[in-house]
């Protein structure tokens, strides 16, 4: 198989010039967005040698930036001996082709850069499948002018074996190589979707098997400190690094809240502004814990000047996933590195129910544990419940999550006088429908 340079895209060790376009009236700040692109490029392993930003009323249909800026870009590439140009927005295939022809350097856009980072960080079989699917779905419409071809045409006259390109209607010289490439990509996409669907079904079954547990999921902008917080709460030993997208695979650990109570805490992949929608779709199985969580802990990097914008970006991704309605507790993390409390006060005015914490120093973690325990159990009440003696899991659930005051057995059932939180009682009845609440004890 002969593939073009772009099929094995990597930005590691390449000297990159970053280019941004700020349209008048745009929601995001161009300078701040370029800084984020710089962090993404460095996270991918590139050496950023220069950055340039243009402000225009609208994008140029040929080059995205103006022709004068293209000439300036060419000069900067030559000045810094750069071999890669990264645009802060998605480009059309025609724009990429025109820019590469003019600049004599590889041109990629924001989505390609993020996909490259995910590809380099994927460690598990599941993550690799999800990243490959996102890459193919992003690249498939851009095949023309990006890949030479993926595979040689099978013998003139075509074979009929599985996977052979050719056959009735394709054996003549009239079929263009690009159509063959597209068919190969389409088959691979179908295969990946089938495999990921099976992973998704397993993941759903796995999450559903935890129904009797209270499930808490950490969500937030990439590099907000989710993995550090999980390590601080559970001693999970999750990789925590000061870089974007350090975590791709979901980890779930038990978090002991004290008093015999515990929850399942999951760490998920970080979000980012303008996250490629193909990536969100393909990582849906990985995010199943967040989708089905009883409580979301939204971790915000309070030390970032863009904390509010990042918070809003995460909220939009949660809406896309359909879990914006889940109970959520916002955590303002990294308060130990704040030099000025005024920034924190502004965030607290916008997020009055948020809890300031520091995963590094431990500040606020005791209060967090207490709040989660209260949100898990609800107000305590004294009730009598009846269960069948054969339902050992329900009895074990009651003993684990409530204070048992008395119990009375008859031939096939047991009545238990318990002090239990209202939310725990609701979860008991939802998970074990045969349970009967008789009366207040």
Protein backbone atom coordinates (compact mmCIF):
# COMPACT_ATOMS: atom_id res chain seq x y z
CA UNK A 1 0.00 0.00 0.00
CA UNK A 2 1.43 3.37 -0.99
CA UNK A 3 0.25 6.32 1.01
CA UNK A 4 0.99 9.97 0.88
CA UNK A 5 2.70 11.86 3.70
CA UNK A 6 -0.64 13.04 5.08
CA UNK A 7 -1.88 9.48 5.71
CA UNK A 8 0.81 9.18 8.40
CA UNK A 9 0.33 12.71 9.69
CA UNK A 10 2.48 13.67 12.64
CA UNK A 11 3.63 17.07 13.83
CA UNK A 12 6.33 15.83 16.18
CA UNK A 13 9.60 17.79 16.04
CA UNK A 14 8.37 19.93 13.16
CA UNK A 15 8.93 23.69 13.14
CA UNK A 16 5.49 25.27 12.97
CA UNK A 17 4.05 28.67 12.17
CA UNK A 18 0.59 29.25 13.65
CA UNK A 19 -2.03 31.27 11.77
CA UNK A 20 -5.28 32.65 13.15
CA UNK A 21 -8.14 34.59 11.64
CA UNK A 22 -10.39 36.70 13.87
CA UNK A 23 -13.61 37.62 12.13
CA UNK A 24 -15.27 40.79 13.33
CA UNK A 25 -18.05 39.94 15.73
CA UNK A 26 -16.61 36.46 16.48
CA UNK A 27 -17.35 34.97 19.90
CA UNK A 28 -13.76 33.93 20.67
CA UNK A 29 -10.72 36.16 21.15
CA UNK A 30 -8.21 35.55 18.37
CA UNK A 31 -5.10 36.11 20.51
CA UNK A 32 -6.30 33.79 23.29
CA UNK A 33 -7.32 31.17 20.73
CA UNK A 34 -3.84 31.30 19.18
CA UNK A 35 -2.30 30.77 22.62
CA UNK A 36 -4.44 27.67 23.00
CA UNK A 37 -3.38 26.50 19.54
CA UNK A 38 0.24 27.01 20.62
CA UNK A 39 -0.36 24.75 23.65
CA UNK A 40 -1.98 22.16 21.38
CA UNK A 41 0.94 22.26 18.94
CA UNK A 42 3.49 21.92 21.73
CA UNK A 43 1.44 19.10 23.22
CA UNK A 44 1.70 17.33 19.85
CA UNK A 45 5.48 17.76 19.87
CA UNK A 46 5.89 20.63 17.40
CA UNK A 47 8.26 23.56 17.93
CA UNK A 48 6.30 26.79 17.48
CA UNK A 49 8.62 29.32 15.81
CA UNK A 50 6.13 32.08 14.94
CA UNK A 51 2.48 33.13 15.15
CA UNK A 52 0.42 35.53 13.06
CA UNK A 53 -3.15 36.78 13.38
CA UNK A 54 -5.30 38.58 10.82
CA UNK A 55 -8.57 40.41 11.45
CA UNK A 56 -11.06 40.45 8.57
CA UNK A 57 -14.77 40.80 7.90
CA UNK A 58 -14.90 37.37 6.28
CA UNK A 59 -12.60 34.53 5.28
CA UNK A 60 -10.96 34.53 1.85
CA UNK A 61 -12.47 31.67 -0.21
CA UNK A 62 -9.13 30.79 -1.82
CA UNK A 63 -6.55 31.09 0.98
CA UNK A 64 -8.76 31.66 4.07
CA UNK A 65 -6.47 34.61 4.93
CA UNK A 66 -5.86 37.53 2.58
CA UNK A 67 -3.34 37.30 -0.29
CA UNK A 68 -1.12 39.88 1.40
CA UNK A 69 -1.03 37.75 4.55
CA UNK A 70 -0.13 34.72 2.42
CA UNK A 71 2.93 36.57 1.16
CA UNK A 72 3.81 37.50 4.75
CA UNK A 73 3.32 33.87 5.77
CA UNK A 74 5.69 32.68 3.03
CA UNK A 75 8.33 35.15 4.26
CA UNK A 76 7.97 33.94 7.86
CA UNK A 77 8.24 30.29 6.78
CA UNK A 78 11.50 31.08 4.96
CA UNK A 79 12.81 33.21 7.83
CA UNK A 80 12.29 30.48 10.45
CA UNK A 81 12.94 27.47 8.18
CA UNK A 82 9.49 26.18 9.10
CA UNK A 83 8.06 23.06 7.50
CA UNK A 84 4.54 23.12 8.94
CA UNK A 85 1.73 25.69 9.03
CA UNK A 86 -1.15 25.19 11.49
CA UNK A 87 -4.37 27.16 11.05
CA UNK A 88 -6.60 27.84 14.05
CA UNK A 89 -9.78 27.04 12.09
CA UNK A 90 -10.94 24.26 9.82
CA UNK A 91 -9.96 24.72 6.17
CA UNK A 92 -11.59 23.37 3.03
CA UNK A 93 -9.61 20.87 0.90
CA UNK A 94 -9.26 23.52 -1.82
CA UNK A 95 -7.84 26.04 0.66
CA UNK A 96 -5.33 23.49 1.96
CA UNK A 97 -4.25 22.68 -1.60
CA UNK A 98 -3.84 26.36 -2.55
CA UNK A 99 -1.93 27.20 0.64
CA UNK A 100 0.41 24.22 0.33
CA UNK A 101 1.12 25.14 -3.28
CA UNK A 102 1.92 28.73 -2.32
CA UNK A 103 3.86 28.05 0.89
CA UNK A 104 5.74 24.89 -0.14
CA UNK A 105 5.04 23.51 3.33
CA UNK A 106 2.51 21.15 4.85
CA UNK A 107 -0.67 22.91 5.98
CA UNK A 108 -3.01 21.42 8.59
CA UNK A 109 -5.95 22.89 10.49
CA UNK A 110 -7.08 22.80 14.11
CA UNK A 111 -9.10 19.61 13.78
CA UNK A 112 -6.23 17.70 12.16
CA UNK A 113 -3.93 18.83 14.97
CA UNK A 114 -6.32 17.62 17.68
CA UNK A 115 -6.81 14.32 15.88
CA UNK A 116 -3.03 13.92 15.68
CA UNK A 117 -2.72 14.46 19.44
CA UNK A 118 -5.42 11.91 20.14
CA UNK A 119 -3.73 9.41 17.79
CA UNK A 120 -0.40 9.81 19.58
CA UNK A 121 -1.99 9.41 23.05
CA UNK A 122 -4.29 6.46 22.31
CA UNK A 123 -3.01 3.48 24.26
CA UNK A 124 -5.92 1.04 24.50
CA UNK A 125 -7.50 -0.87 21.61
CA UNK A 126 -10.76 1.01 22.21
CA UNK A 127 -9.13 4.44 22.05
CA UNK A 128 -7.20 3.56 18.88
CA UNK A 129 -10.38 2.45 17.13
CA UNK A 130 -12.19 5.63 18.17
CA UNK A 131 -9.36 7.89 16.98
CA UNK A 132 -9.01 6.06 13.66
CA UNK A 133 -12.75 6.41 13.01
CA UNK A 134 -12.64 10.14 13.78
CA UNK A 135 -9.63 10.60 11.48
CA UNK A 136 -11.23 8.74 8.59
CA UNK A 137 -14.57 10.54 8.92
CA UNK A 138 -12.75 13.86 8.98
CA UNK A 139 -10.45 13.00 6.07
CA UNK A 140 -12.87 11.15 3.78
CA UNK A 141 -14.49 14.32 2.32
CA UNK A 142 -10.99 15.76 1.85
CA UNK A 143 -9.46 12.86 -0.09
CA UNK A 144 -9.02 14.76 -3.34
CA UNK A 145 -5.63 16.40 -3.42
CA UNK A 146 -4.66 15.02 0.02
CA UNK A 147 -3.91 11.34 -0.61
CA UNK A 148 -2.34 9.97 -3.81
CA UNK A 149 -4.02 6.61 -3.34
CA UNK A 150 -4.49 4.01 -0.64
CA UNK A 151 -4.08 0.79 -2.58
CA UNK A 152 -3.16 -0.45 -6.04
CA UNK A 153 -5.99 -1.44 -8.33
CA UNK A 154 -6.39 -5.24 -8.17
CA UNK A 155 -5.36 -6.97 -11.46
CA UNK A 156 -6.78 -5.78 -14.75
CA UNK A 157 -10.00 -7.64 -15.07
CA UNK A 158 -10.31 -7.64 -11.28
CA UNK A 159 -10.41 -10.43 -8.77
CA UNK A 160 -13.48 -11.49 -6.88
CA UNK A 161 -11.95 -12.35 -3.50
CA UNK A 162 -12.90 -10.58 -0.30
CA UNK A 163 -11.43 -7.10 -0.12
CA UNK A 164 -10.36 -7.06 -3.75
CA UNK A 165 -11.03 -3.81 -5.56
CA UNK A 166 -12.67 -4.40 -8.91
CA UNK A 167 -15.38 -6.59 -10.33
CA UNK A 168 -18.41 -6.01 -12.50
CA UNK A 169 -18.65 -2.36 -13.41
CA UNK A 170 -15.17 -1.48 -12.16
CA UNK A 171 -12.90 -3.56 -14.45
CA UNK A 172 -12.38 -0.95 -17.11
CA UNK A 173 -9.85 1.88 -17.05
CA UNK A 174 -12.58 4.49 -16.58
CA UNK A 175 -12.80 4.38 -12.79
CA UNK A 176 -10.74 7.10 -11.21
CA UNK A 177 -8.34 6.28 -8.38
CA UNK A 178 -10.09 8.71 -6.06
CA UNK A 179 -13.29 6.63 -6.21
CA UNK A 180 -11.35 3.51 -5.27
CA UNK A 181 -9.78 5.35 -2.35
CA UNK A 182 -13.19 6.51 -1.17
CA UNK A 183 -14.56 2.98 -1.34
CA UNK A 184 -11.65 1.68 0.75
CA UNK A 185 -12.22 4.39 3.35
CA UNK A 186 -15.96 3.70 3.38
CA UNK A 187 -15.41 -0.01 4.04
CA UNK A 188 -12.98 0.72 6.85
CA UNK A 189 -15.37 3.26 8.43
CA UNK A 190 -18.17 0.66 8.36
CA UNK A 191 -15.88 -1.91 9.96
CA UNK A 192 -14.76 0.51 12.69
CA UNK A 193 -18.33 1.58 13.45
CA UNK A 194 -19.31 -2.07 13.86
CA UNK A 195 -16.44 -2.71 16.28
CA UNK A 196 -17.08 0.48 18.25
CA UNK A 197 -20.81 -0.31 18.45
CA UNK A 198 -19.93 -3.61 20.12
CA UNK A 199 -17.61 -1.77 22.53
CA UNK A 200 -20.44 0.70 23.18
CA UNK A 201 -22.84 -2.13 24.01
CA UNK A 202 -20.31 -3.65 26.41
CA UNK A 203 -19.72 -0.25 27.98
CA UNK A 204 -23.47 0.31 28.47
CA UNK A 205 -23.80 -3.10 30.10
CA UNK A 206 -20.81 -2.32 32.30
CA UNK A 207 -22.29 1.01 33.40
CA UNK A 208 -25.73 -0.54 33.97
CA UNK A 209 -24.15 -3.21 36.18
CA UNK A 210 -23.18 -0.38 38.56
CA UNK A 211 -26.76 0.78 39.08
CA UNK A 212 -26.68 -0.01 42.77
CA UNK A 213 -23.69 2.31 43.17
CA UNK A 214 -23.72 6.10 43.12
CA UNK A 215 -21.69 7.08 40.05
CA UNK A 216 -19.74 10.33 39.96
CA UNK A 217 -17.94 11.51 36.83
CA UNK A 218 -15.22 14.15 36.49
CA UNK A 219 -15.68 16.39 33.45
CA UNK A 220 -13.96 19.58 32.41
CA UNK A 221 -11.70 21.40 30.02
CA UNK A 222 -8.49 19.61 29.13
CA UNK A 223 -5.70 20.26 31.65
CA UNK A 224 -8.14 21.54 34.29
CA UNK A 225 -6.75 19.06 36.83
CA UNK A 226 -9.28 16.20 36.67
CA UNK A 227 -6.69 13.42 36.87
CA UNK A 228 -4.85 15.15 39.73
CA UNK A 229 -8.14 15.47 41.59
CA UNK A 230 -8.95 11.81 41.05
CA UNK A 231 -5.53 10.81 42.40
CA UNK A 232 -6.06 13.05 45.44
CA UNK A 233 -9.49 11.53 46.19
CA UNK A 234 -8.83 7.86 45.42
CA UNK A 235 -5.04 7.24 45.18
CA UNK A 236 -5.83 5.92 41.70
CA UNK A 237 -2.38 6.53 40.24
CA UNK A 238 -3.86 8.00 37.05
CA UNK A 239 -1.33 9.73 34.79
CA UNK A 240 -1.52 13.47 35.49
CA UNK A 241 0.61 15.83 33.40
CA UNK A 242 0.66 19.55 32.67
CA UNK A 243 -0.31 19.08 29.03
CA UNK A 244 -3.48 19.01 26.97
CA UNK A 245 -5.31 15.68 26.61
CA UNK A 246 -3.06 13.73 29.00
CA UNK A 247 -6.02 11.37 29.64
CA UNK A 248 -7.94 9.62 26.84
CA UNK A 249 -9.16 6.43 28.50
CA UNK A 250 -11.79 6.52 31.22
CA UNK A 251 -10.66 5.25 34.63
CA UNK A 252 -13.13 4.32 37.39
CA UNK A 253 -12.15 3.89 41.05
CA UNK A 254 -13.90 3.66 44.42
CA UNK A 255 -13.98 6.89 46.41
CA UNK A 256 -14.53 6.35 50.15
CA UNK A 257 -16.60 9.16 51.65
CA UNK A 258 -16.44 8.04 55.27
CA UNK A 259 -19.09 6.47 57.47
CA UNK A 260 -19.02 3.35 55.31
CA UNK A 261 -20.24 5.27 52.23
CA UNK A 262 -18.43 5.08 48.92
CA UNK A 263 -19.08 6.06 45.32
CA UNK A 264 -17.59 5.12 41.96
CA UNK A 265 -15.54 8.02 40.58
CA UNK A 266 -14.67 8.16 36.85
CA UNK A 267 -12.11 10.35 35.11
CA UNK A 268 -12.95 11.19 31.48
CA UNK A 269 -11.27 12.73 28.46
CA UNK A 270 -10.97 16.51 28.61
CA UNK A 271 -12.96 18.84 26.39
CA UNK A 272 -11.83 21.85 24.40
CA UNK A 273 -13.36 24.68 22.41
CA UNK A 274 -14.34 23.69 18.89
CA UNK A 275 -13.66 20.01 19.58
CA UNK A 276 -14.11 18.14 16.26
CA UNK A 277 -17.63 16.71 16.26
CA UNK A 278 -16.38 13.42 14.73
CA UNK A 279 -14.19 13.02 17.81
CA UNK A 280 -17.10 13.60 20.20
CA UNK A 281 -19.19 11.06 18.29
CA UNK A 282 -16.51 8.37 18.17
CA UNK A 283 -15.61 8.81 21.86
CA UNK A 284 -19.23 8.46 22.96
CA UNK A 285 -18.54 4.99 24.39
CA UNK A 286 -15.63 6.38 26.43
CA UNK A 287 -17.91 9.12 27.76
CA UNK A 288 -20.68 6.68 28.73
CA UNK A 289 -19.80 7.15 32.42
CA UNK A 290 -20.45 10.89 32.15
CA UNK A 291 -23.67 10.37 30.20
CA UNK A 292 -25.09 8.02 32.84
CA UNK A 293 -23.54 9.58 35.95
CA UNK A 294 -25.65 10.38 39.01
CA UNK A 295 -23.44 13.42 39.61
CA UNK A 296 -21.03 15.36 37.42
CA UNK A 297 -18.08 17.15 39.02
CA UNK A 298 -17.25 19.93 36.54
CA UNK A 299 -13.60 20.83 37.19
CA UNK A 300 -12.64 24.37 36.15
CA UNK A 301 -9.07 25.70 36.07
CA UNK A 302 -9.62 28.82 38.18
CA UNK A 303 -6.07 30.01 37.45
CA UNK A 304 -6.74 30.31 33.71
CA UNK A 305 -7.64 33.78 32.34
CA UNK A 306 -10.10 31.93 30.06
CA UNK A 307 -11.77 29.98 32.88
CA UNK A 308 -15.27 31.27 32.13
CA UNK A 309 -14.99 30.61 28.37
CA UNK A 310 -13.66 27.13 29.10
CA UNK A 311 -16.56 26.50 31.46
CA UNK A 312 -19.01 27.51 28.74
CA UNK A 313 -17.26 25.27 26.19
CA UNK A 314 -17.61 22.24 28.47
CA UNK A 315 -21.29 23.03 29.02
CA UNK A 316 -21.85 23.05 25.25
CA UNK A 317 -20.16 19.64 24.82
CA UNK A 318 -22.27 18.22 27.67
CA UNK A 319 -25.35 19.50 25.86
CA UNK A 320 -24.19 17.75 22.68
CA UNK A 321 -23.82 14.51 24.66
CA UNK A 322 -27.30 14.88 26.12
CA UNK A 323 -26.19 15.01 29.75
CA UNK A 324 -26.47 18.75 30.45
CA UNK A 325 -29.44 17.96 32.70
CA UNK A 326 -27.39 15.73 35.03
CA UNK A 327 -26.85 17.02 38.55
CA UNK A 328 -23.61 19.01 38.45
CA UNK A 329 -21.27 20.47 41.06
CA UNK A 330 -18.74 23.00 39.72
CA UNK A 331 -15.26 22.89 41.27
CA UNK A 332 -12.91 25.86 40.93
CA UNK A 333 -9.56 24.05 40.97
CA UNK A 334 -5.95 25.30 41.28
CA UNK A 335 -6.77 28.04 43.79
CA UNK A 336 -3.31 27.43 45.33
CA UNK A 337 -1.60 29.05 42.30
CA UNK A 338 -3.79 32.16 42.16
CA UNK A 339 -1.81 35.35 42.70
CA UNK A 340 -4.89 37.55 42.71
CA UNK A 341 -8.14 36.60 44.44
CA UNK A 342 -10.12 39.08 42.34
CA UNK A 343 -10.24 36.62 39.43
CA UNK A 344 -11.64 33.94 41.75
CA UNK A 345 -14.24 36.35 43.13
CA UNK A 346 -15.45 37.14 39.60
CA UNK A 347 -15.83 33.42 38.88
CA UNK A 348 -17.73 32.89 42.13
CA UNK A 349 -20.13 35.69 41.21
CA UNK A 350 -20.84 33.94 37.91
CA UNK A 351 -20.91 30.49 39.54
CA UNK A 352 -22.31 31.13 43.03
CA UNK A 353 -22.70 27.43 43.90
CA UNK A 354 -19.13 26.51 42.85
CA UNK A 355 -16.69 25.11 45.41
CA UNK A 356 -13.07 26.43 45.41
CA UNK A 357 -10.57 23.56 45.79
CA UNK A 358 -6.98 22.58 45.09
CA UNK A 359 -6.22 19.02 44.04
CA UNK A 360 -2.52 19.76 44.65
CA UNK A 361 -2.68 21.19 48.19
CA UNK A 362 -5.88 19.42 49.29
CA UNK A 363 -7.72 22.66 50.09
CA UNK A 364 -11.50 22.20 49.99
CA UNK A 365 -11.40 18.42 49.45
CA UNK A 366 -12.94 17.64 52.86
CA UNK A 367 -15.83 20.00 52.07
CA UNK A 368 -16.15 18.38 48.64
CA UNK A 369 -16.38 14.92 50.19
CA UNK A 370 -19.04 16.10 52.63
CA UNK A 371 -21.10 17.73 49.86
CA UNK A 372 -20.95 14.65 47.64
CA UNK A 373 -21.99 12.45 50.56
CA UNK A 374 -25.02 14.67 51.22
CA UNK A 375 -25.90 14.73 47.51
CA UNK A 376 -25.66 10.95 47.38
CA UNK A 377 -27.80 10.17 50.41
CA UNK A 378 -30.29 13.04 50.72
CA UNK A 379 -32.08 13.88 54.01
CA UNK A 380 -32.19 10.93 56.41
CA UNK A 381 -35.46 9.34 57.42
CA UNK A 382 -36.53 6.31 59.44
CA UNK A 383 -38.56 3.73 57.52
CA UNK A 384 -39.44 0.05 57.45
CA UNK A 385 -38.69 -1.86 54.26
CA UNK A 386 -39.70 -5.38 53.27
CA UNK A 387 -37.54 -7.56 51.02
CA UNK A 388 -37.59 -11.21 50.03
CA UNK A 389 -34.94 -13.25 51.84
CA UNK A 390 -33.79 -14.56 48.47
CA UNK A 391 -32.80 -11.07 47.32
CA UNK A 392 -29.35 -11.02 48.88
CA UNK A 393 -28.11 -8.09 46.76
CA UNK A 394 -30.93 -5.83 47.97
CA UNK A 395 -30.29 -6.79 51.60
CA UNK A 396 -26.56 -6.12 51.14
CA UNK A 397 -27.39 -2.73 49.57
CA UNK A 398 -29.50 -1.75 52.61
CA UNK A 399 -26.81 -2.90 55.04
CA UNK A 400 -24.12 -0.99 53.14
CA UNK A 401 -26.00 2.30 52.66
CA UNK A 402 -28.16 2.67 55.77
CA UNK A 403 -28.20 2.20 59.51
CA UNK A 404 -30.14 -0.97 60.34
CA UNK A 405 -32.02 -0.63 63.67
CA UNK A 406 -33.97 -3.88 63.72
CA UNK A 407 -34.99 -6.78 61.48
CA UNK A 408 -37.79 -9.37 61.59
CA UNK A 409 -37.94 -12.54 59.51
CA UNK A 410 -40.86 -14.66 58.35
CA UNK A 411 -40.90 -17.59 55.93
CA UNK A 412 -39.97 -15.74 52.71
CA UNK A 413 -39.26 -12.13 53.64
CA UNK A 414 -37.50 -9.81 56.04
CA UNK A 415 -38.65 -6.48 57.44
CA UNK A 416 -35.92 -4.01 58.35
CA UNK A 417 -36.24 -0.81 60.36
CA UNK A 418 -33.57 1.51 58.96
CA UNK A 419 -32.34 5.09 58.96
CA UNK A 420 -31.64 5.87 55.31
CA UNK A 421 -31.20 8.89 53.05
CA UNK A 422 -34.17 9.68 50.81
CA UNK A 423 -32.08 9.48 47.63
CA UNK A 424 -30.58 6.16 48.69
CA UNK A 425 -34.10 4.87 49.30
CA UNK A 426 -35.14 5.99 45.81
CA UNK A 427 -32.13 4.23 44.31
CA UNK A 428 -32.95 1.08 46.29
CA UNK A 429 -36.50 0.97 44.88
CA UNK A 430 -35.30 1.75 41.33
CA UNK A 431 -32.58 -0.91 41.38
CA UNK A 432 -34.60 -3.55 43.25
CA UNK A 433 -38.29 -3.12 42.28
CA UNK A 434 -39.46 -5.93 44.60
CA UNK A 435 -38.54 -3.79 47.61
CA UNK A 436 -41.56 -2.45 49.54
CA UNK A 437 -41.48 0.58 51.80
CA UNK A 438 -44.13 -0.17 54.42
CA UNK A 439 -44.24 2.83 56.71
CA UNK A 440 -42.23 5.27 58.76
CA UNK A 441 -40.75 3.19 61.56
